[in-house]
Protein backbone atom coordinates (compact mmCIF):
# COMPACT_ATOMS: atom_id res chain seq x y z
CA MET A 1 98.63 111.24 68.47
CA VAL A 2 96.97 113.16 71.32
CA ARG A 3 95.30 110.01 73.07
CA LYS A 4 94.00 109.14 76.68
CA ILE A 5 96.42 107.95 79.34
CA VAL A 6 97.32 107.13 82.46
CA LYS A 7 99.12 110.12 85.20
CA ILE A 8 101.10 109.41 88.25
CA ASP A 9 101.83 111.87 90.34
CA GLU A 10 105.04 110.80 92.41
CA GLU A 11 103.89 113.09 95.19
CA LYS A 12 101.64 111.92 96.67
CA CYS A 13 102.56 107.54 95.06
CA THR A 14 102.89 105.41 98.73
CA GLY A 15 104.44 102.97 96.75
CA CYS A 16 102.45 100.82 97.52
CA GLY A 17 102.60 98.79 94.49
CA LEU A 18 98.43 97.75 94.13
CA CYS A 19 98.62 100.20 90.38
CA ALA A 20 101.72 97.90 88.92
CA GLU A 21 99.50 94.90 90.34
CA ALA A 22 96.63 95.94 88.66
CA CYS A 23 98.10 96.97 85.54
CA HIS A 24 97.28 94.19 83.18
CA GLU A 25 99.91 95.85 80.44
CA HIS A 26 102.59 95.84 83.45
CA ALA A 27 102.78 99.11 81.78
CA ILE A 28 103.63 100.74 85.00
CA ALA A 29 106.72 99.60 87.59
CA MET A 30 108.25 100.31 90.42
CA VAL A 31 110.72 102.44 90.12
CA ASP A 32 112.90 103.61 93.39
CA GLY A 33 109.70 103.18 95.32
CA LYS A 34 108.18 104.97 93.36
CA ALA A 35 105.18 103.04 90.20
CA LYS A 36 106.05 104.68 86.74
CA LEU A 37 104.43 104.54 83.87
CA ILE A 38 107.36 102.53 81.95
CA ARG A 39 105.96 102.75 77.87
CA ASP A 40 103.10 104.83 76.45
CA ASP A 41 102.65 102.45 74.11
CA TYR A 42 102.18 99.38 76.57
CA CYS A 43 99.31 101.63 78.09
CA ASP A 44 95.65 101.05 76.63
CA GLY A 45 94.11 104.60 79.31
CA LEU A 46 91.65 102.69 79.67
CA GLY A 47 92.61 103.20 83.41
CA ASP A 48 92.21 99.09 85.24
CA CYS A 49 95.27 100.64 87.98
CA LEU A 50 92.98 104.20 89.47
CA PRO A 51 90.51 101.40 91.40
CA ALA A 52 93.74 99.71 92.68
CA CYS A 53 95.71 103.02 94.11
CA PRO A 54 94.88 104.24 97.83
CA ALA A 55 96.80 107.38 97.63
CA ASP A 56 94.36 108.95 94.52
CA ALA A 57 98.23 109.38 92.90
CA ILE A 58 96.58 108.37 88.88
CA GLU A 59 93.94 109.59 86.45
CA ILE A 60 93.69 110.25 83.47
CA ILE A 61 94.68 112.73 80.89
CA GLU A 62 95.03 113.28 77.20
CA ARG A 63 98.53 114.41 76.07
CA GLU A 64 100.34 113.68 73.02
CA ALA A 65 101.71 109.55 73.60
CA ALA A 66 102.46 106.95 70.99
CA ALA A 67 99.79 104.67 69.90
CA TYR A 68 98.40 101.71 72.26
CA ASP A 69 100.53 98.67 71.22
CA GLU A 70 98.84 95.26 71.47
CA GLU A 71 101.55 93.19 69.84
CA ALA A 72 104.22 94.77 72.22
CA VAL A 73 102.51 94.43 74.89
CA LYS A 74 101.85 90.45 74.26
CA ALA A 75 105.71 89.74 74.04
CA HIS A 76 106.42 92.58 77.57
CA ILE A 77 104.03 89.96 78.85
CA GLN A 78 105.76 87.41 77.68
CA SER A 79 108.89 88.48 78.50
CA ARG A 80 107.75 88.16 82.34
CA GLN A 81 106.63 84.93 82.41
CA GLN A 82 108.35 82.49 84.03
CA PRO A 83 107.85 78.58 85.21
CA GLU A 84 104.98 77.82 87.49
CA LYS A 85 106.43 79.82 90.87
CA LYS A 86 103.78 81.76 92.93
CA SER A 87 104.38 84.77 94.87
CA ASP A 88 102.55 86.72 97.46
CA SER A 89 105.14 89.62 97.03
CA LEU A 90 103.58 93.05 95.39
CA PRO A 91 105.89 94.81 92.80
CA CYS A 92 106.94 96.77 95.33
CA GLY A 93 108.37 93.75 97.08
CA CYS A 94 105.29 94.14 100.11
CA PRO A 95 102.16 91.82 100.01
CA GLY A 96 100.74 93.74 103.67
CA SER A 97 99.11 96.25 100.97
CA ALA A 98 96.92 93.75 99.19
CA ALA A 99 93.04 94.26 99.52
CA ARG A 100 91.36 91.65 101.36
CA THR A 101 88.56 89.82 103.31
CA PHE A 102 88.33 87.79 106.21
CA ARG A 103 85.03 84.96 106.83
CA ARG A 104 84.49 85.24 110.65
CA SER A 105 82.20 83.62 112.56
CA PRO A 106 78.54 84.95 113.23
CA ALA A 107 79.17 83.06 116.67
CA PRO A 108 77.52 85.91 119.42
CA VAL A 109 80.07 87.37 121.57
CA GLN A 110 79.94 85.51 124.45
CA GLN A 111 81.03 82.41 122.27
CA ALA A 112 83.84 83.96 120.47
CA ALA A 113 86.92 83.31 121.96
CA GLU A 114 88.67 85.77 123.62
CA ASN A 115 91.55 85.81 121.95
CA GLU A 116 89.49 85.58 118.05
CA SER A 117 90.68 89.02 115.75
CA GLN A 118 87.44 90.15 114.52
CA LEU A 119 89.01 92.22 111.74
CA THR A 120 87.54 91.13 108.28
CA GLN A 121 89.12 93.21 105.75
CA TRP A 122 92.49 94.25 104.87
CA PRO A 123 94.35 96.39 104.76
CA VAL A 124 93.26 98.87 107.67
CA GLN A 125 95.88 102.34 107.48
CA ILE A 126 94.10 105.03 106.29
CA GLN A 127 96.90 105.68 104.16
CA LEU A 128 96.53 102.38 102.57
CA VAL A 129 93.19 101.62 102.34
CA SER A 130 91.48 102.74 99.22
CA PRO A 131 87.84 104.57 99.14
CA ARG A 132 86.76 101.98 96.31
CA ALA A 133 87.69 99.02 97.97
CA SER A 134 83.67 96.26 97.92
CA TYR A 135 84.39 96.09 101.62
CA PHE A 136 82.94 99.32 102.47
CA GLN A 137 79.84 99.08 100.79
CA GLY A 138 77.31 98.27 103.12
CA ALA A 139 79.92 99.12 105.95
CA ASN A 140 79.52 100.00 109.74
CA LEU A 141 83.05 102.23 109.35
CA LEU A 142 85.12 102.02 113.16
CA ILE A 143 87.51 104.87 113.17
CA ALA A 144 90.09 104.44 115.06
CA ALA A 145 93.18 105.42 116.47
CA ASP A 146 96.46 103.59 116.65
CA CYS A 147 96.62 103.62 120.42
CA THR A 148 93.19 102.63 120.89
CA ALA A 149 93.39 98.89 120.24
CA TYR A 150 96.54 98.77 122.46
CA ALA A 151 95.01 100.84 125.96
CA TYR A 152 91.46 98.93 125.51
CA GLY A 153 91.59 95.42 126.74
CA ASP A 154 88.32 94.10 124.52
CA PHE A 155 89.26 96.49 121.82
CA HIS A 156 87.74 93.19 119.04
CA ASN A 157 84.40 92.37 120.19
CA ARG A 158 83.29 95.55 121.82
CA PHE A 159 84.25 98.33 118.41
CA ILE A 160 85.59 96.03 115.07
CA ARG A 161 83.33 93.37 116.01
CA GLY A 162 80.43 94.11 112.89
CA ARG A 163 82.80 96.91 111.33
CA THR A 164 84.81 97.26 108.78
CA VAL A 165 88.11 99.42 109.96
CA VAL A 166 90.41 102.63 109.63
CA VAL A 167 93.00 103.78 111.95
CA GLY A 168 95.69 106.23 112.24
CA CYS A 169 97.44 108.59 114.38
CA PRO A 170 97.82 112.22 113.23
CA LYS A 171 100.95 112.75 115.04
CA LEU A 172 102.08 110.66 113.58
CA ASP A 173 101.19 110.36 110.60
CA THR A 174 102.11 113.46 108.20
CA VAL A 175 98.39 113.67 105.86
CA GLU A 176 95.45 114.79 106.81
CA TYR A 177 92.81 112.34 106.75
CA THR A 178 89.61 114.26 105.95
CA GLU A 179 89.79 113.80 101.86
CA LYS A 180 90.50 110.04 102.19
CA LEU A 181 87.49 110.13 104.87
CA THR A 182 85.41 111.48 103.13
CA ALA A 183 85.33 110.05 100.05
CA ILE A 184 85.66 106.65 101.61
CA ILE A 185 81.93 107.87 103.06
CA ARG A 186 80.38 109.92 100.23
CA ASP A 187 81.09 107.13 98.18
CA ASN A 188 80.22 103.93 99.43
CA ASP A 189 76.91 102.95 101.47
CA ILE A 190 78.13 103.38 105.07
CA LYS A 191 75.66 102.62 107.72
CA SER A 192 77.21 104.02 110.97
CA VAL A 193 80.28 105.79 112.14
CA THR A 194 82.22 104.86 114.96
CA ILE A 195 84.81 106.56 116.06
CA VAL A 196 87.77 105.64 119.14
CA ARG A 197 90.02 107.83 120.32
CA MET A 198 92.63 108.13 122.92
CA GLU A 199 91.84 110.91 125.48
CA VAL A 200 95.28 112.47 124.82
CA PRO A 201 94.37 115.88 123.33
CA CYS A 202 96.61 114.87 119.86
CA CYS A 203 93.57 112.57 119.51
CA GLY A 204 91.05 115.54 118.95
CA GLY A 205 92.91 115.64 114.70
CA LEU A 206 91.27 112.11 114.47
CA GLU A 207 87.87 113.09 115.58
CA ASN A 208 87.48 116.56 113.86
CA ALA A 209 89.15 115.43 110.60
CA ALA A 210 86.16 112.48 110.51
CA LYS A 211 83.54 114.91 111.59
CA ARG A 212 84.97 117.37 108.72
CA ALA A 213 84.53 114.01 106.66
CA LEU A 214 81.00 113.36 107.90
CA GLN A 215 79.87 116.96 106.65
CA ALA A 216 82.02 116.78 103.70
CA SER A 217 79.68 113.95 102.66
CA GLY A 218 77.39 115.73 102.61
CA LYS A 219 74.95 112.68 103.93
CA PHE A 220 73.31 112.30 107.58
CA ILE A 221 74.89 109.10 108.93
CA PRO A 222 74.84 108.05 112.26
CA TRP A 223 77.70 108.04 114.30
CA GLN A 224 79.31 107.97 117.50
CA VAL A 225 82.84 109.23 119.54
CA VAL A 226 84.13 106.47 122.15
CA THR A 227 87.19 107.74 123.85
CA ILE A 228 89.37 105.88 125.36
CA SER A 229 91.34 106.34 128.77
CA THR A 230 95.29 105.90 128.75
CA ASP A 231 94.63 103.20 131.25
CA GLY A 232 92.05 101.10 129.84
CA ARG A 233 88.60 102.19 130.45
CA ILE A 234 86.00 104.36 128.14
CA LEU A 235 85.04 107.02 129.48
CA GLU A 236 81.72 108.74 129.88
């Protein structure tokens, strides 16, 4: 029969395992570091896995496939059940990509402990975040180069405080950031965008990607660029 079913693009798949965790029927499994649909009749075609994928590697298509088999799914789920044993690991073996938010004290900056983190969400790497993550709604977005947090001593209080942060390095990462940043800005009620980069030329790639994303989103959002010197100063 021809019906709706998920299709996974292995080229785009980063192996984070979030889709496998989101699939209630356990129709998706991690095989050799990539997400795979293990059986057609386990997939109901509703796409609960789609919003979990940070790489947009999953889509719903129509093709010839075995009918969804609810009884087979129940047996599959039961076979996976184990005695009371809890684990924070994702199906890929790495818990590091699980989306989460943290509650932070609203105390004024001058009262915050010097070593207190101001990070309110995880993950932060541009390649790992999902544009549909709830923490982007109504956010003041910080797009930061990896090195800035090391170069500028008060980075948390000066830049992360009160913002949702994504980080990346255009010189080391092999992906183009514009598409992901465009989706984040376009699909969420972003209040402002702050771009923090290093003075080194390669950081211009991050700034340019953010500017292209702002333009492609079709929105008029307040934005600013802050440049950090290699010796840790904010350059005017």
